[in-house]
């Protein structure tokens, strides 16, 4: 039976910046547009956090029962490591999805934006079918697309709109920028697992692009947020350039990836990319807020 510490590790807390940063950017954008709401921001954050933990448990369950987690470098695998039964991990995922739905319903009720119901349903389905179901899209190389859309565009734009009832070019630039970094986290993860995924028949984007192509994609995704900060500044949010300071920690992981880092070295790249997600997101949010 898994310990509490192992359950916490199985939730992969190092991925939580991917939930926090988009909400921070969306709230900063809303403040820059003239209106932000602490209660709505908190509810949006709860939705993002529960979805993130839920998808982590769902991936643990689905990959575990398929046997693709049998030999991995990185965080604890509850099912693959034999620490918890698949049913318990599945229940943990569904519990998190349920809590995300409750927070989402509260967000919808307070904001009056009933269309959020459809967004919420789509988000939960995307979280489960990433590795779940008979034809998971994560195994077909589409995981990066869905991560960019839901953790970047949807999370930022919806957070801004529920608070300010409008979005602007700065909002979209921030959404693309933070979405690119979060997608880079998945790219680094799949680069680390490339060999095992290929043997298991898991056709991730990394498997399709190969080692060299995946490394180039990672660097492109880490450079794109700098362009987005510049675009936000050009659109009138001059202080969005603060986001460039948040990209300074990206130099190390980009260097390591280009130099051919593998195995445990890519675990450090993942941690560093998560840090960049947080530093860029917080500083870009502050820049949009000040602007």
C-alpha atoms as a PDB file:
ATOM      1  CA  UNK A   1       0.000   0.000   0.000  1.00  0.00           C
ATOM      2  CA  UNK A   2       1.361   3.399  -1.013  1.00  0.00           C
ATOM      3  CA  UNK A   3       2.269   5.847   1.733  1.00  0.00           C
ATOM      4  CA  UNK A   4       0.968   9.416   1.857  1.00  0.00           C
ATOM      5  CA  UNK A   5       4.377  10.588   0.689  1.00  0.00           C
ATOM      6  CA  UNK A   6       4.201   8.274  -2.335  1.00  0.00           C
ATOM      7  CA  UNK A   7       0.687   9.483  -3.186  1.00  0.00           C
ATOM      8  CA  UNK A   8       1.987  13.048  -3.088  1.00  0.00           C
ATOM      9  CA  UNK A   9       4.917  12.088  -5.314  1.00  0.00           C
ATOM     10  CA  UNK A  10       2.488  10.290  -7.638  1.00  0.00           C
ATOM     11  CA  UNK A  11       0.564  13.548  -7.999  1.00  0.00           C
ATOM     12  CA  UNK A  12       3.812  14.990  -9.442  1.00  0.00           C
ATOM     13  CA  UNK A  13       3.884  18.307  -7.569  1.00  0.00           C
ATOM     14  CA  UNK A  14       6.691  19.581  -9.804  1.00  0.00           C
ATOM     15  CA  UNK A  15       4.128  19.853 -12.622  1.00  0.00           C
ATOM     16  CA  UNK A  16       1.907  22.234 -10.641  1.00  0.00           C
ATOM     17  CA  UNK A  17       3.519  25.411 -12.059  1.00  0.00           C
ATOM     18  CA  UNK A  18       1.743  24.387 -15.271  1.00  0.00           C
ATOM     19  CA  UNK A  19      -1.535  25.028 -13.425  1.00  0.00           C
ATOM     20  CA  UNK A  20      -0.465  28.149 -11.527  1.00  0.00           C
ATOM     21  CA  UNK A  21       1.278  30.099 -14.303  1.00  0.00           C
ATOM     22  CA  UNK A  22      -1.621  30.321 -16.816  1.00  0.00           C
ATOM     23  CA  UNK A  23      -4.012  31.542 -14.117  1.00  0.00           C
ATOM     24  CA  UNK A  24      -1.435  34.130 -13.004  1.00  0.00           C
ATOM     25  CA  UNK A  25      -1.017  35.388 -16.581  1.00  0.00           C
ATOM     26  CA  UNK A  26      -4.774  35.460 -17.154  1.00  0.00           C
ATOM     27  CA  UNK A  27      -5.367  37.363 -13.916  1.00  0.00           C
ATOM     28  CA  UNK A  28      -2.541  39.800 -14.689  1.00  0.00           C
ATOM     29  CA  UNK A  29      -4.104  40.417 -18.077  1.00  0.00           C
ATOM     30  CA  UNK A  30      -7.524  41.002 -16.493  1.00  0.00           C
ATOM     31  CA  UNK A  31      -6.007  43.545 -14.092  1.00  0.00           C
ATOM     32  CA  UNK A  32      -4.315  45.269 -17.010  1.00  0.00           C
ATOM     33  CA  UNK A  33      -7.691  45.488 -18.736  1.00  0.00           C
ATOM     34  CA  UNK A  34      -9.138  47.242 -15.709  1.00  0.00           C
ATOM     35  CA  UNK A  35     -10.816  44.582 -13.605  1.00  0.00           C
ATOM     36  CA  UNK A  36      -9.667  41.526 -11.702  1.00  0.00           C
ATOM     37  CA  UNK A  37     -11.493  39.467  -9.101  1.00  0.00           C
ATOM     38  CA  UNK A  38      -9.697  37.514  -6.366  1.00  0.00           C
ATOM     39  CA  UNK A  39     -12.532  35.001  -5.870  1.00  0.00           C
ATOM     40  CA  UNK A  40     -12.758  34.197  -9.582  1.00  0.00           C
ATOM     41  CA  UNK A  41      -8.975  33.932  -9.822  1.00  0.00           C
ATOM     42  CA  UNK A  42      -8.908  31.503  -6.875  1.00  0.00           C
ATOM     43  CA  UNK A  43     -11.627  29.349  -8.408  1.00  0.00           C
ATOM     44  CA  UNK A  44      -9.809  29.287 -11.752  1.00  0.00           C
ATOM     45  CA  UNK A  45      -6.658  28.214  -9.914  1.00  0.00           C
ATOM     46  CA  UNK A  46      -8.498  25.402  -8.122  1.00  0.00           C
ATOM     47  CA  UNK A  47      -9.877  24.157 -11.444  1.00  0.00           C
ATOM     48  CA  UNK A  48      -6.395  24.156 -12.955  1.00  0.00           C
ATOM     49  CA  UNK A  49      -4.734  22.486  -9.956  1.00  0.00           C
ATOM     50  CA  UNK A  50      -7.310  19.699  -9.642  1.00  0.00           C
ATOM     51  CA  UNK A  51      -7.199  19.051 -13.387  1.00  0.00           C
ATOM     52  CA  UNK A  52      -3.395  18.892 -13.307  1.00  0.00           C
ATOM     53  CA  UNK A  53      -3.279  16.430 -10.419  1.00  0.00           C
ATOM     54  CA  UNK A  54      -6.177  14.490 -11.942  1.00  0.00           C
ATOM     55  CA  UNK A  55      -4.450  14.058 -15.282  1.00  0.00           C
ATOM     56  CA  UNK A  56      -1.252  12.970 -13.489  1.00  0.00           C
ATOM     57  CA  UNK A  57      -3.115  10.214 -11.643  1.00  0.00           C
ATOM     58  CA  UNK A  58      -5.039   9.297 -14.808  1.00  0.00           C
ATOM     59  CA  UNK A  59      -1.779   8.934 -16.729  1.00  0.00           C
ATOM     60  CA  UNK A  60      -0.317   6.841 -13.907  1.00  0.00           C
ATOM     61  CA  UNK A  61      -3.350   4.551 -14.078  1.00  0.00           C
ATOM     62  CA  UNK A  62      -3.587   4.230 -17.863  1.00  0.00           C
ATOM     63  CA  UNK A  63       0.149   3.854 -18.511  1.00  0.00           C
ATOM     64  CA  UNK A  64       0.416   1.472 -15.568  1.00  0.00           C
ATOM     65  CA  UNK A  65      -2.230  -0.983 -16.775  1.00  0.00           C
ATOM     66  CA  UNK A  66      -0.737  -0.892 -20.287  1.00  0.00           C
ATOM     67  CA  UNK A  67       2.713  -1.708 -18.953  1.00  0.00           C
ATOM     68  CA  UNK A  68       4.411   1.371 -20.422  1.00  0.00           C
ATOM     69  CA  UNK A  69       5.464   2.542 -16.944  1.00  0.00           C
ATOM     70  CA  UNK A  70       7.289  -0.652 -16.033  1.00  0.00           C
ATOM     71  CA  UNK A  71      10.790   0.802 -16.454  1.00  0.00           C
ATOM     72  CA  UNK A  72      10.933   4.592 -16.186  1.00  0.00           C
ATOM     73  CA  UNK A  73      13.355   7.248 -15.009  1.00  0.00           C
ATOM     74  CA  UNK A  74      11.705  10.025 -13.020  1.00  0.00           C
ATOM     75  CA  UNK A  75       8.819  10.399 -10.551  1.00  0.00           C
ATOM     76  CA  UNK A  76       7.087   7.642  -8.619  1.00  0.00           C
ATOM     77  CA  UNK A  77       4.665   5.507 -10.623  1.00  0.00           C
ATOM     78  CA  UNK A  78       1.966   4.198  -8.310  1.00  0.00           C
ATOM     79  CA  UNK A  79       0.549   1.535 -10.625  1.00  0.00           C
ATOM     80  CA  UNK A  80       3.679   0.755 -12.615  1.00  0.00           C
ATOM     81  CA  UNK A  81       5.707   0.482  -9.418  1.00  0.00           C
ATOM     82  CA  UNK A  82       3.144  -1.773  -7.726  1.00  0.00           C
ATOM     83  CA  UNK A  83       2.612   0.763  -4.938  1.00  0.00           C
ATOM     84  CA  UNK A  84      -1.168   1.099  -5.340  1.00  0.00           C
ATOM     85  CA  UNK A  85      -3.905  -0.838  -7.092  1.00  0.00           C
ATOM     86  CA  UNK A  86      -5.052   0.513 -10.467  1.00  0.00           C
ATOM     87  CA  UNK A  87      -8.587   0.970  -9.118  1.00  0.00           C
ATOM     88  CA  UNK A  88      -7.433   3.226  -6.277  1.00  0.00           C
ATOM     89  CA  UNK A  89      -5.379   5.396  -8.639  1.00  0.00           C
ATOM     90  CA  UNK A  90      -8.325   5.597 -11.025  1.00  0.00           C
ATOM     91  CA  UNK A  91     -10.579   6.717  -8.156  1.00  0.00           C
ATOM     92  CA  UNK A  92      -7.986   9.344  -7.188  1.00  0.00           C
ATOM     93  CA  UNK A  93      -8.044  10.703 -10.746  1.00  0.00           C
ATOM     94  CA  UNK A  94     -11.847  10.826 -10.842  1.00  0.00           C
ATOM     95  CA  UNK A  95     -11.979  12.485  -7.425  1.00  0.00           C
ATOM     96  CA  UNK A  96      -9.690  15.256  -8.671  1.00  0.00           C
ATOM     97  CA  UNK A  97     -11.771  15.656 -11.829  1.00  0.00           C
ATOM     98  CA  UNK A  98     -14.887  15.913  -9.682  1.00  0.00           C
ATOM     99  CA  UNK A  99     -13.335  18.612  -7.494  1.00  0.00           C
ATOM    100  CA  UNK A 100     -12.271  20.492 -10.627  1.00  0.00           C
ATOM    101  CA  UNK A 101     -15.859  20.326 -11.868  1.00  0.00           C
ATOM    102  CA  UNK A 102     -17.214  21.678  -8.578  1.00  0.00           C
ATOM    103  CA  UNK A 103     -14.783  24.602  -8.669  1.00  0.00           C
ATOM    104  CA  UNK A 104     -15.684  25.149 -12.322  1.00  0.00           C
ATOM    105  CA  UNK A 105     -19.402  25.240 -11.562  1.00  0.00           C
ATOM    106  CA  UNK A 106     -18.760  27.830  -8.840  1.00  0.00           C
ATOM    107  CA  UNK A 107     -16.675  29.851 -11.293  1.00  0.00           C
ATOM    108  CA  UNK A 108     -19.458  29.661 -13.855  1.00  0.00           C
ATOM    109  CA  UNK A 109     -22.072  30.687 -11.307  1.00  0.00           C
ATOM    110  CA  UNK A 110     -20.128  33.702 -10.010  1.00  0.00           C
ATOM    111  CA  UNK A 111     -19.017  34.927 -13.420  1.00  0.00           C
ATOM    112  CA  UNK A 112     -22.304  34.235 -15.203  1.00  0.00           C
ATOM    113  CA  UNK A 113     -20.435  32.694 -18.138  1.00  0.00           C
ATOM    114  CA  UNK A 114     -22.501  29.550 -18.784  1.00  0.00           C
ATOM    115  CA  UNK A 115     -20.368  28.553 -21.781  1.00  0.00           C
ATOM    116  CA  UNK A 116     -17.701  27.512 -19.269  1.00  0.00           C
ATOM    117  CA  UNK A 117     -19.679  24.286 -18.814  1.00  0.00           C
ATOM    118  CA  UNK A 118     -18.736  23.143 -22.317  1.00  0.00           C
ATOM    119  CA  UNK A 119     -15.102  24.159 -21.788  1.00  0.00           C
ATOM    120  CA  UNK A 120     -15.024  22.212 -18.530  1.00  0.00           C
ATOM    121  CA  UNK A 121     -16.456  19.060 -20.083  1.00  0.00           C
ATOM    122  CA  UNK A 122     -13.935  19.273 -22.920  1.00  0.00           C
ATOM    123  CA  UNK A 123     -11.070  19.769 -20.448  1.00  0.00           C
ATOM    124  CA  UNK A 124     -11.994  16.700 -18.369  1.00  0.00           C
ATOM    125  CA  UNK A 125     -12.406  14.539 -21.468  1.00  0.00           C
ATOM    126  CA  UNK A 126      -9.040  15.749 -22.782  1.00  0.00           C
ATOM    127  CA  UNK A 127      -7.429  14.976 -19.414  1.00  0.00           C
ATOM    128  CA  UNK A 128      -8.752  11.401 -19.348  1.00  0.00           C
ATOM    129  CA  UNK A 129      -8.260  10.445 -22.999  1.00  0.00           C
ATOM    130  CA  UNK A 130      -4.672  11.701 -23.103  1.00  0.00           C
ATOM    131  CA  UNK A 131      -3.596   8.194 -22.123  1.00  0.00           C
ATOM    132  CA  UNK A 132      -6.996   6.639 -21.318  1.00  0.00           C
ATOM    133  CA  UNK A 133      -9.494   4.814 -23.482  1.00  0.00           C
ATOM    134  CA  UNK A 134      -8.870   2.439 -26.362  1.00  0.00           C
ATOM    135  CA  UNK A 135      -7.279   5.081 -28.601  1.00  0.00           C
ATOM    136  CA  UNK A 136      -5.470   7.648 -26.387  1.00  0.00           C
ATOM    137  CA  UNK A 137      -4.409  10.703 -28.351  1.00  0.00           C
ATOM    138  CA  UNK A 138      -1.192  10.979 -26.327  1.00  0.00           C
ATOM    139  CA  UNK A 139      -0.094   7.703 -27.916  1.00  0.00           C
ATOM    140  CA  UNK A 140      -0.750   9.188 -31.363  1.00  0.00           C
ATOM    141  CA  UNK A 141       1.553  12.199 -30.983  1.00  0.00           C
ATOM    142  CA  UNK A 142      -1.174  14.761 -30.234  1.00  0.00           C
ATOM    143  CA  UNK A 143      -0.433  15.358 -26.560  1.00  0.00           C
ATOM    144  CA  UNK A 144       1.534  18.552 -27.185  1.00  0.00           C
ATOM    145  CA  UNK A 145      -1.316  20.048 -29.215  1.00  0.00           C
ATOM    146  CA  UNK A 146      -3.865  19.489 -26.458  1.00  0.00           C
ATOM    147  CA  UNK A 147      -1.512  20.735 -23.745  1.00  0.00           C
ATOM    148  CA  UNK A 148      -0.868  23.932 -25.682  1.00  0.00           C
ATOM    149  CA  UNK A 149      -4.584  24.493 -26.279  1.00  0.00           C
ATOM    150  CA  UNK A 150      -5.897  23.715 -22.788  1.00  0.00           C
ATOM    151  CA  UNK A 151      -3.018  24.771 -20.512  1.00  0.00           C
ATOM    152  CA  UNK A 152      -2.115  27.745 -22.682  1.00  0.00           C
ATOM    153  CA  UNK A 153      -4.911  29.259 -24.741  1.00  0.00           C
ATOM    154  CA  UNK A 154      -7.957  28.047 -22.817  1.00  0.00           C
ATOM    155  CA  UNK A 155      -6.560  28.542 -19.307  1.00  0.00           C
ATOM    156  CA  UNK A 156      -5.259  32.077 -19.873  1.00  0.00           C
ATOM    157  CA  UNK A 157      -8.049  33.420 -22.070  1.00  0.00           C
ATOM    158  CA  UNK A 158     -10.860  31.982 -19.934  1.00  0.00           C
ATOM    159  CA  UNK A 159      -9.241  33.287 -16.732  1.00  0.00           C
ATOM    160  CA  UNK A 160      -9.031  36.776 -18.211  1.00  0.00           C
ATOM    161  CA  UNK A 161     -12.502  36.782 -19.729  1.00  0.00           C
ATOM    162  CA  UNK A 162     -14.309  35.584 -16.606  1.00  0.00           C
ATOM    163  CA  UNK A 163     -12.822  38.513 -14.690  1.00  0.00           C
ATOM    164  CA  UNK A 164     -12.643  41.333 -17.245  1.00  0.00           C
ATOM    165  CA  UNK A 165     -15.345  40.181 -19.713  1.00  0.00           C
ATOM    166  CA  UNK A 166     -12.940  40.846 -22.580  1.00  0.00           C
ATOM    167  CA  UNK A 167      -9.480  39.946 -23.832  1.00  0.00           C
ATOM    168  CA  UNK A 168      -6.896  41.750 -25.952  1.00  0.00           C
ATOM    169  CA  UNK A 169      -3.699  41.090 -27.889  1.00  0.00           C
ATOM    170  CA  UNK A 170      -1.697  40.982 -24.652  1.00  0.00           C
ATOM    171  CA  UNK A 171      -3.942  38.206 -23.361  1.00  0.00           C
ATOM    172  CA  UNK A 172      -3.425  36.110 -26.478  1.00  0.00           C
ATOM    173  CA  UNK A 173       0.323  36.751 -26.524  1.00  0.00           C
ATOM    174  CA  UNK A 174       0.550  35.662 -22.893  1.00  0.00           C
ATOM    175  CA  UNK A 175      -1.532  32.562 -23.631  1.00  0.00           C
ATOM    176  CA  UNK A 176       0.736  31.518 -26.500  1.00  0.00           C
ATOM    177  CA  UNK A 177       3.885  32.262 -24.476  1.00  0.00           C
ATOM    178  CA  UNK A 178       2.964  30.315 -21.364  1.00  0.00           C
ATOM    179  CA  UNK A 179       1.395  27.554 -23.460  1.00  0.00           C
ATOM    180  CA  UNK A 180       4.688  27.124 -25.314  1.00  0.00           C
ATOM    181  CA  UNK A 181       6.692  26.644 -22.104  1.00  0.00           C
ATOM    182  CA  UNK A 182       4.188  24.180 -20.650  1.00  0.00           C
ATOM    183  CA  UNK A 183       4.277  22.254 -23.915  1.00  0.00           C
ATOM    184  CA  UNK A 184       8.082  22.234 -23.644  1.00  0.00           C
ATOM    185  CA  UNK A 185       7.687  20.446 -20.285  1.00  0.00           C
ATOM    186  CA  UNK A 186       5.829  17.624 -22.039  1.00  0.00           C
ATOM    187  CA  UNK A 187       8.353  17.574 -24.875  1.00  0.00           C
ATOM    188  CA  UNK A 188      11.213  17.180 -22.369  1.00  0.00           C
ATOM    189  CA  UNK A 189       9.276  14.446 -20.572  1.00  0.00           C
ATOM    190  CA  UNK A 190       8.683  12.543 -23.810  1.00  0.00           C
ATOM    191  CA  UNK A 191      12.300  13.046 -24.867  1.00  0.00           C
ATOM    192  CA  UNK A 192      13.378  11.385 -21.616  1.00  0.00           C
ATOM    193  CA  UNK A 193      10.993   8.463 -22.241  1.00  0.00           C
ATOM    194  CA  UNK A 194      11.599   8.232 -25.991  1.00  0.00           C
ATOM    195  CA  UNK A 195      13.309   4.829 -26.023  1.00  0.00           C
ATOM    196  CA  UNK A 196      10.824   3.137 -23.713  1.00  0.00           C
ATOM    197  CA  UNK A 197       7.818   4.663 -25.476  1.00  0.00           C
ATOM    198  CA  UNK A 198       9.067   3.468 -28.852  1.00  0.00           C
ATOM    199  CA  UNK A 199       9.493  -0.087 -27.564  1.00  0.00           C
ATOM    200  CA  UNK A 200       6.011   0.008 -25.989  1.00  0.00           C
ATOM    201  CA  UNK A 201       4.423   1.216 -29.232  1.00  0.00           C
ATOM    202  CA  UNK A 202       3.609   4.614 -27.753  1.00  0.00           C
ATOM    203  CA  UNK A 203       3.901   6.928 -30.776  1.00  0.00           C
ATOM    204  CA  UNK A 204       4.414  10.224 -28.978  1.00  0.00           C
ATOM    205  CA  UNK A 205       5.513  13.293 -30.919  1.00  0.00           C
ATOM    206  CA  UNK A 206       9.049  12.643 -29.668  1.00  0.00           C
ATOM    207  CA  UNK A 207       8.976   9.152 -31.163  1.00  0.00           C
ATOM    208  CA  UNK A 208       7.674  10.548 -34.452  1.00  0.00           C
ATOM    209  CA  UNK A 209      10.217  13.388 -34.631  1.00  0.00           C
ATOM    210  CA  UNK A 210      13.145  11.369 -33.355  1.00  0.00           C
ATOM    211  CA  UNK A 211      15.804  12.482 -30.884  1.00  0.00           C
ATOM    212  CA  UNK A 212      17.246  15.391 -32.886  1.00  0.00           C
ATOM    213  CA  UNK A 213      13.876  16.778 -34.006  1.00  0.00           C
ATOM    214  CA  UNK A 214      12.526  16.662 -30.450  1.00  0.00           C
ATOM    215  CA  UNK A 215      15.512  18.574 -29.101  1.00  0.00           C
ATOM    216  CA  UNK A 216      15.053  21.286 -31.729  1.00  0.00           C
ATOM    217  CA  UNK A 217      11.340  21.504 -30.941  1.00  0.00           C
ATOM    218  CA  UNK A 218      12.101  21.932 -27.231  1.00  0.00           C
ATOM    219  CA  UNK A 219      14.399  24.908 -27.886  1.00  0.00           C
ATOM    220  CA  UNK A 220      11.891  26.505 -30.279  1.00  0.00           C
ATOM    221  CA  UNK A 221       9.188  26.246 -27.619  1.00  0.00           C
ATOM    222  CA  UNK A 222      11.488  27.878 -25.052  1.00  0.00           C
ATOM    223  CA  UNK A 223      12.340  30.753 -27.407  1.00  0.00           C
ATOM    224  CA  UNK A 224       8.737  31.423 -28.499  1.00  0.00           C
ATOM    225  CA  UNK A 225       7.733  33.022 -25.136  1.00  0.00           C
ATOM    226  CA  UNK A 226      10.358  35.748 -25.670  1.00  0.00           C
ATOM    227  CA  UNK A 227       8.713  36.613 -28.981  1.00  0.00           C
ATOM    228  CA  UNK A 228       5.311  36.630 -27.268  1.00  0.00           C
ATOM    229  CA  UNK A 229       6.524  39.047 -24.579  1.00  0.00           C
ATOM    230  CA  UNK A 230       7.794  41.307 -27.359  1.00  0.00           C
ATOM    231  CA  UNK A 231       4.456  41.116 -29.173  1.00  0.00           C
ATOM    232  CA  UNK A 232       2.572  41.997 -25.984  1.00  0.00           C
ATOM    233  CA  UNK A 233       4.873  45.003 -25.504  1.00  0.00           C
ATOM    234  CA  UNK A 234       4.363  46.053 -29.132  1.00  0.00           C
ATOM    235  CA  UNK A 235       0.585  45.827 -28.580  1.00  0.00           C
ATOM    236  CA  UNK A 236       0.847  48.396 -25.773  1.00  0.00           C
ATOM    237  CA  UNK A 237       1.775  46.341 -22.706  1.00  0.00           C
ATOM    238  CA  UNK A 238       5.344  47.623 -22.377  1.00  0.00           C
ATOM    239  CA  UNK A 239       5.951  46.049 -18.993  1.00  0.00           C
ATOM    240  CA  UNK A 240       5.270  42.618 -20.487  1.00  0.00           C
ATOM    241  CA  UNK A 241       8.998  42.651 -21.276  1.00  0.00           C
ATOM    242  CA  UNK A 242       9.455  41.640 -17.627  1.00  0.00           C
ATOM    243  CA  UNK A 243       8.674  38.180 -18.915  1.00  0.00           C
ATOM    244  CA  UNK A 244      12.090  38.155 -20.600  1.00  0.00           C
ATOM    245  CA  UNK A 245      13.723  38.217 -17.165  1.00  0.00           C
ATOM    246  CA  UNK A 246      11.713  35.138 -16.263  1.00  0.00           C
ATOM    247  CA  UNK A 247      13.244  33.339 -19.241  1.00  0.00           C
ATOM    248  CA  UNK A 248      16.824  33.682 -17.986  1.00  0.00           C
ATOM    249  CA  UNK A 249      16.724  30.264 -16.221  1.00  0.00           C
ATOM    250  CA  UNK A 250      15.878  28.719 -19.617  1.00  0.00           C
ATOM    251  CA  UNK A 251      19.512  28.978 -20.743  1.00  0.00           C
ATOM    252  CA  UNK A 252      20.644  25.939 -18.751  1.00  0.00           C
ATOM    253  CA  UNK A 253      18.001  23.419 -19.856  1.00  0.00           C
ATOM    254  CA  UNK A 254      18.246  24.575 -23.487  1.00  0.00           C
ATOM    255  CA  UNK A 255      22.020  24.093 -23.361  1.00  0.00           C
ATOM    256  CA  UNK A 256      21.686  20.640 -21.812  1.00  0.00           C
ATOM    257  CA  UNK A 257      19.083  19.516 -24.339  1.00  0.00           C
ATOM    258  CA  UNK A 258      21.204  20.700 -27.269  1.00  0.00           C
ATOM    259  CA  UNK A 259      24.244  18.938 -25.803  1.00  0.00           C
ATOM    260  CA  UNK A 260      22.394  15.631 -25.787  1.00  0.00           C
ATOM    261  CA  UNK A 261      21.285  15.221 -22.168  1.00  0.00           C
ATOM    262  CA  UNK A 262      19.620  11.865 -21.455  1.00  0.00           C
ATOM    263  CA  UNK A 263      18.137   9.932 -18.528  1.00  0.00           C
ATOM    264  CA  UNK A 264      18.619  11.579 -15.145  1.00  0.00           C
ATOM    265  CA  UNK A 265      20.008  14.723 -16.816  1.00  0.00           C
ATOM    266  CA  UNK A 266      16.637  15.186 -18.526  1.00  0.00           C
ATOM    267  CA  UNK A 267      14.928  14.927 -15.133  1.00  0.00           C
ATOM    268  CA  UNK A 268      16.913  18.046 -14.194  1.00  0.00           C
ATOM    269  CA  UNK A 269      15.847  19.639 -17.481  1.00  0.00           C
ATOM    270  CA  UNK A 270      12.227  18.935 -16.560  1.00  0.00           C
ATOM    271  CA  UNK A 271      12.654  20.572 -13.148  1.00  0.00           C
ATOM    272  CA  UNK A 272      14.348  23.592 -14.711  1.00  0.00           C
ATOM    273  CA  UNK A 273      11.600  23.926 -17.325  1.00  0.00           C
ATOM    274  CA  UNK A 274       8.996  23.870 -14.560  1.00  0.00           C
ATOM    275  CA  UNK A 275      10.896  26.695 -12.851  1.00  0.00           C
ATOM    276  CA  UNK A 276      10.887  28.714 -16.083  1.00  0.00           C
ATOM    277  CA  UNK A 277       7.134  28.154 -16.346  1.00  0.00           C
ATOM    278  CA  UNK A 278       6.751  29.779 -12.950  1.00  0.00           C
ATOM    279  CA  UNK A 279       9.252  32.642 -13.335  1.00  0.00           C
ATOM    280  CA  UNK A 280       8.061  33.606 -16.814  1.00  0.00           C
ATOM    281  CA  UNK A 281       4.397  33.282 -15.857  1.00  0.00           C
ATOM    282  CA  UNK A 282       4.666  35.374 -12.683  1.00  0.00           C
ATOM    283  CA  UNK A 283       6.800  38.128 -14.240  1.00  0.00           C
ATOM    284  CA  UNK A 284       4.723  38.288 -17.415  1.00  0.00           C
ATOM    285  CA  UNK A 285       1.591  38.478 -15.252  1.00  0.00           C
ATOM    286  CA  UNK A 286       3.151  41.334 -13.272  1.00  0.00           C
ATOM    287  CA  UNK A 287       4.045  43.133 -16.495  1.00  0.00           C
ATOM    288  CA  UNK A 288       0.535  42.812 -17.895  1.00  0.00           C
ATOM    289  CA  UNK A 289      -0.898  43.962 -14.553  1.00  0.00           C
ATOM    290  CA  UNK A 290       1.298  47.069 -14.412  1.00  0.00           C
ATOM    291  CA  UNK A 291       0.568  47.889 -18.028  1.00  0.00           C
END
